[in-house]
Amino acid sequence: MRHLRLIAVPLAALSLVSCGLTEEQLQPTITRAEAERKVLSYDLDVRRTLLGGSQTEASARRLDSLECETADIPGPKGRVESSLDTQLVSHKPEGNKAVFDAFEQKVRALGFTEKWRYPDAVMYTSSKDEFAIGLTESRDSSKTLTLSVSSPCVWPDGTAIKE
């Protein structure tokens, strides 16, 4: 019986690969809970730098966990991405350039590299853990800054879902 189990596991993986899943997509990941903890940790670490140790308050914080596969993003069903958008409230719009500069210095120190940039937004990613961190200035007159942190796509319990 033991030998049959050893054969069944590779066959199950092979059947998933033959349905369009790559070996990389079948690899174990961190869990959704671990991804959420890391998103919250990156958010707090960057906010402490941007707002000061005693001014880590923010408004409109929302931790989401969304399915990764959509019509625009193909991939295996069941993977999720955790993300958090936090509006920063302890700054003045005329100081946004200084906040962007401090943000970029902090995320580079954390090992992130620039993925893309626009006049009012920048996104960095980590090659170490595939998390992403961005900062966006609203286009309305408030010039509110939003810090965004997201995880890579992960399996909820860390292992591929066998359909």
Protein backbone atom coordinates (compact mmCIF):
# COMPACT_ATOMS: atom_id res chain seq x y z
CA MET A 1 0.00 0.00 0.00
CA ARG A 2 2.79 2.40 0.86
CA HIS A 3 4.17 2.22 -2.69
CA LEU A 4 0.76 3.04 -4.14
CA ARG A 5 0.60 6.25 -2.10
CA LEU A 6 4.04 7.25 -3.36
CA ILE A 7 2.81 6.82 -6.94
CA ALA A 8 -0.56 8.52 -6.35
CA VAL A 9 0.92 11.83 -5.23
CA PRO A 10 3.00 12.40 -8.40
CA LEU A 11 0.06 11.27 -10.54
CA ALA A 12 -2.25 13.79 -8.85
CA ALA A 13 0.31 16.54 -9.41
CA LEU A 14 0.73 15.44 -13.02
CA SER A 15 -3.03 15.58 -13.61
CA LEU A 16 -3.14 19.14 -12.23
CA VAL A 17 -0.20 20.16 -14.43
CA SER A 18 -1.91 18.66 -17.46
CA CYS A 19 -4.95 20.88 -16.72
CA GLY A 20 -2.84 23.96 -17.36
CA LEU A 21 -1.22 24.44 -13.96
CA THR A 22 2.52 24.90 -13.88
CA GLU A 23 4.83 23.25 -11.37
CA GLU A 24 5.46 26.72 -9.91
CA GLN A 25 1.73 27.27 -9.33
CA LEU A 26 1.53 23.95 -7.46
CA GLN A 27 4.37 24.75 -5.08
CA PRO A 28 3.50 25.23 -1.40
CA THR A 29 3.19 28.85 -0.27
CA ILE A 30 2.85 30.63 3.02
CA THR A 31 -0.70 30.46 4.37
CA ARG A 32 -3.34 33.18 4.05
CA ALA A 33 -2.94 33.93 7.79
CA GLU A 34 0.85 34.30 7.37
CA ALA A 35 0.33 36.56 4.34
CA GLU A 36 -2.12 38.73 6.31
CA ARG A 37 0.30 39.02 9.25
CA LYS A 38 3.12 40.03 6.92
CA VAL A 39 0.92 42.61 5.14
CA LEU A 40 0.00 44.13 8.51
CA SER A 41 3.64 44.07 9.62
CA TYR A 42 4.91 45.85 6.47
CA ASP A 43 2.09 48.40 6.78
CA LEU A 44 2.93 49.21 10.41
CA ASP A 45 6.69 49.33 9.77
CA VAL A 46 6.33 51.79 6.87
CA ARG A 47 3.69 53.91 8.66
CA ARG A 48 5.97 54.26 11.70
CA THR A 49 8.67 55.61 9.41
CA LEU A 50 6.33 57.97 7.55
CA LEU A 51 4.28 59.23 10.48
CA GLY A 52 6.66 58.83 13.40
CA GLY A 53 6.59 56.30 16.21
CA SER A 54 3.86 58.08 18.13
CA GLN A 55 1.73 58.96 15.09
CA THR A 56 0.86 55.63 13.54
CA GLU A 57 -2.84 56.42 13.32
CA ALA A 58 -4.48 56.06 9.97
CA SER A 59 -7.99 56.06 8.65
CA ALA A 60 -9.87 53.89 6.18
CA ARG A 61 -7.78 50.77 6.83
CA ARG A 62 -9.14 47.69 5.14
CA LEU A 63 -7.55 44.25 4.97
CA ASP A 64 -8.89 42.27 2.02
CA SER A 65 -8.32 38.76 0.79
CA LEU A 66 -9.29 38.30 -2.86
CA GLU A 67 -9.20 35.33 -5.20
CA CYS A 68 -6.21 35.66 -7.51
CA GLU A 69 -7.72 34.09 -10.60
CA THR A 70 -9.94 36.51 -12.49
CA ALA A 71 -10.82 37.03 -16.14
CA ASP A 72 -7.76 39.30 -16.38
CA ILE A 73 -5.41 37.18 -14.26
CA PRO A 74 -5.32 33.51 -15.22
CA GLY A 75 -4.10 30.94 -12.76
CA PRO A 76 -5.20 28.14 -10.54
CA LYS A 77 -8.48 28.61 -8.69
CA GLY A 78 -8.30 28.85 -4.94
CA ARG A 79 -5.26 31.07 -4.49
CA VAL A 80 -5.76 34.36 -2.65
CA GLU A 81 -3.95 37.66 -2.29
CA SER A 82 -4.11 39.65 0.93
CA SER A 83 -3.95 43.42 0.67
CA LEU A 84 -4.30 46.47 2.87
CA ASP A 85 -4.90 50.07 1.83
CA THR A 86 -4.34 52.70 4.52
CA GLN A 87 -5.08 56.39 4.12
CA LEU A 88 -2.43 58.40 5.92
CA VAL A 89 -3.89 61.24 8.00
CA SER A 90 -0.98 62.80 9.89
CA HIS A 91 0.51 64.95 7.15
CA LYS A 92 -0.12 68.14 5.18
CA PRO A 93 -0.48 68.01 1.36
CA GLU A 94 2.46 70.38 0.88
CA GLY A 95 4.65 67.79 2.62
CA ASN A 96 3.74 64.91 0.31
CA LYS A 97 7.05 65.01 -1.56
CA ALA A 98 8.92 64.50 1.72
CA VAL A 99 6.59 61.60 2.58
CA PHE A 100 7.24 60.01 -0.84
CA ASP A 101 11.00 60.44 -0.33
CA ALA A 102 10.85 58.85 3.15
CA PHE A 103 8.65 56.05 1.79
CA GLU A 104 11.08 55.22 -0.99
CA GLN A 105 14.07 55.29 1.34
CA LYS A 106 12.30 52.95 3.79
CA VAL A 107 11.11 50.38 1.24
CA ARG A 108 14.51 50.28 -0.45
CA ALA A 109 16.06 49.63 2.98
CA LEU A 110 13.61 46.72 3.33
CA GLY A 111 14.96 45.27 0.05
CA PHE A 112 12.17 46.34 -2.31
CA THR A 113 12.85 47.54 -5.85
CA GLU A 114 10.79 49.89 -7.99
CA LYS A 115 8.25 48.17 -10.21
CA TRP A 116 6.55 51.24 -11.72
CA ARG A 117 6.16 54.97 -11.20
CA TYR A 118 3.66 57.68 -12.16
CA PRO A 119 3.66 61.34 -11.12
CA ASP A 120 1.24 60.61 -8.24
CA ALA A 121 2.06 56.96 -7.42
CA VAL A 122 4.91 54.49 -7.05
CA MET A 123 4.98 50.72 -6.52
CA TYR A 124 7.82 48.58 -5.17
CA THR A 125 8.13 44.79 -5.04
CA SER A 126 10.34 42.41 -3.10
CA SER A 127 12.18 39.69 -4.99
CA LYS A 128 12.70 37.99 -1.61
CA ASP A 129 9.03 37.35 -0.76
CA GLU A 130 7.05 38.83 -3.71
CA PHE A 131 5.14 41.31 -1.53
CA ALA A 132 4.38 44.75 -2.99
CA ILE A 133 4.22 48.16 -1.33
CA GLY A 134 2.96 51.34 -2.97
CA LEU A 135 2.15 54.94 -2.17
CA THR A 136 -0.47 56.95 -4.07
CA GLU A 137 -1.53 60.59 -3.85
CA SER A 138 -5.21 61.20 -4.60
CA ARG A 139 -5.96 63.38 -7.61
CA ASP A 140 -8.58 65.46 -5.81
CA SER A 141 -7.81 68.64 -3.90
CA SER A 142 -7.21 66.76 -0.62
CA LYS A 143 -4.01 65.13 -2.00
CA THR A 144 -4.56 62.31 0.50
CA LEU A 145 -1.85 59.65 0.54
CA THR A 146 -2.73 55.96 0.51
CA LEU A 147 -0.24 53.28 1.51
CA SER A 148 -0.95 49.93 -0.15
CA VAL A 149 0.60 46.58 0.78
CA SER A 150 -0.21 43.28 -0.91
CA SER A 151 0.95 39.70 -0.72
CA PRO A 152 1.70 37.36 -3.58
CA CYS A 153 -0.95 34.79 -4.50
CA VAL A 154 -0.96 32.06 -1.86
CA TRP A 155 -2.86 28.89 -1.15
CA PRO A 156 -5.13 29.51 1.89
CA ASP A 157 -3.59 26.65 3.89
CA GLY A 158 -0.23 26.76 2.09
CA THR A 159 -0.80 23.79 -0.23
CA ALA A 160 -2.40 23.53 -3.66
CA ILE A 161 -6.11 22.80 -3.74
CA LYS A 162 -6.76 19.52 -5.52
CA GLU A 163 -9.96 19.81 -7.59
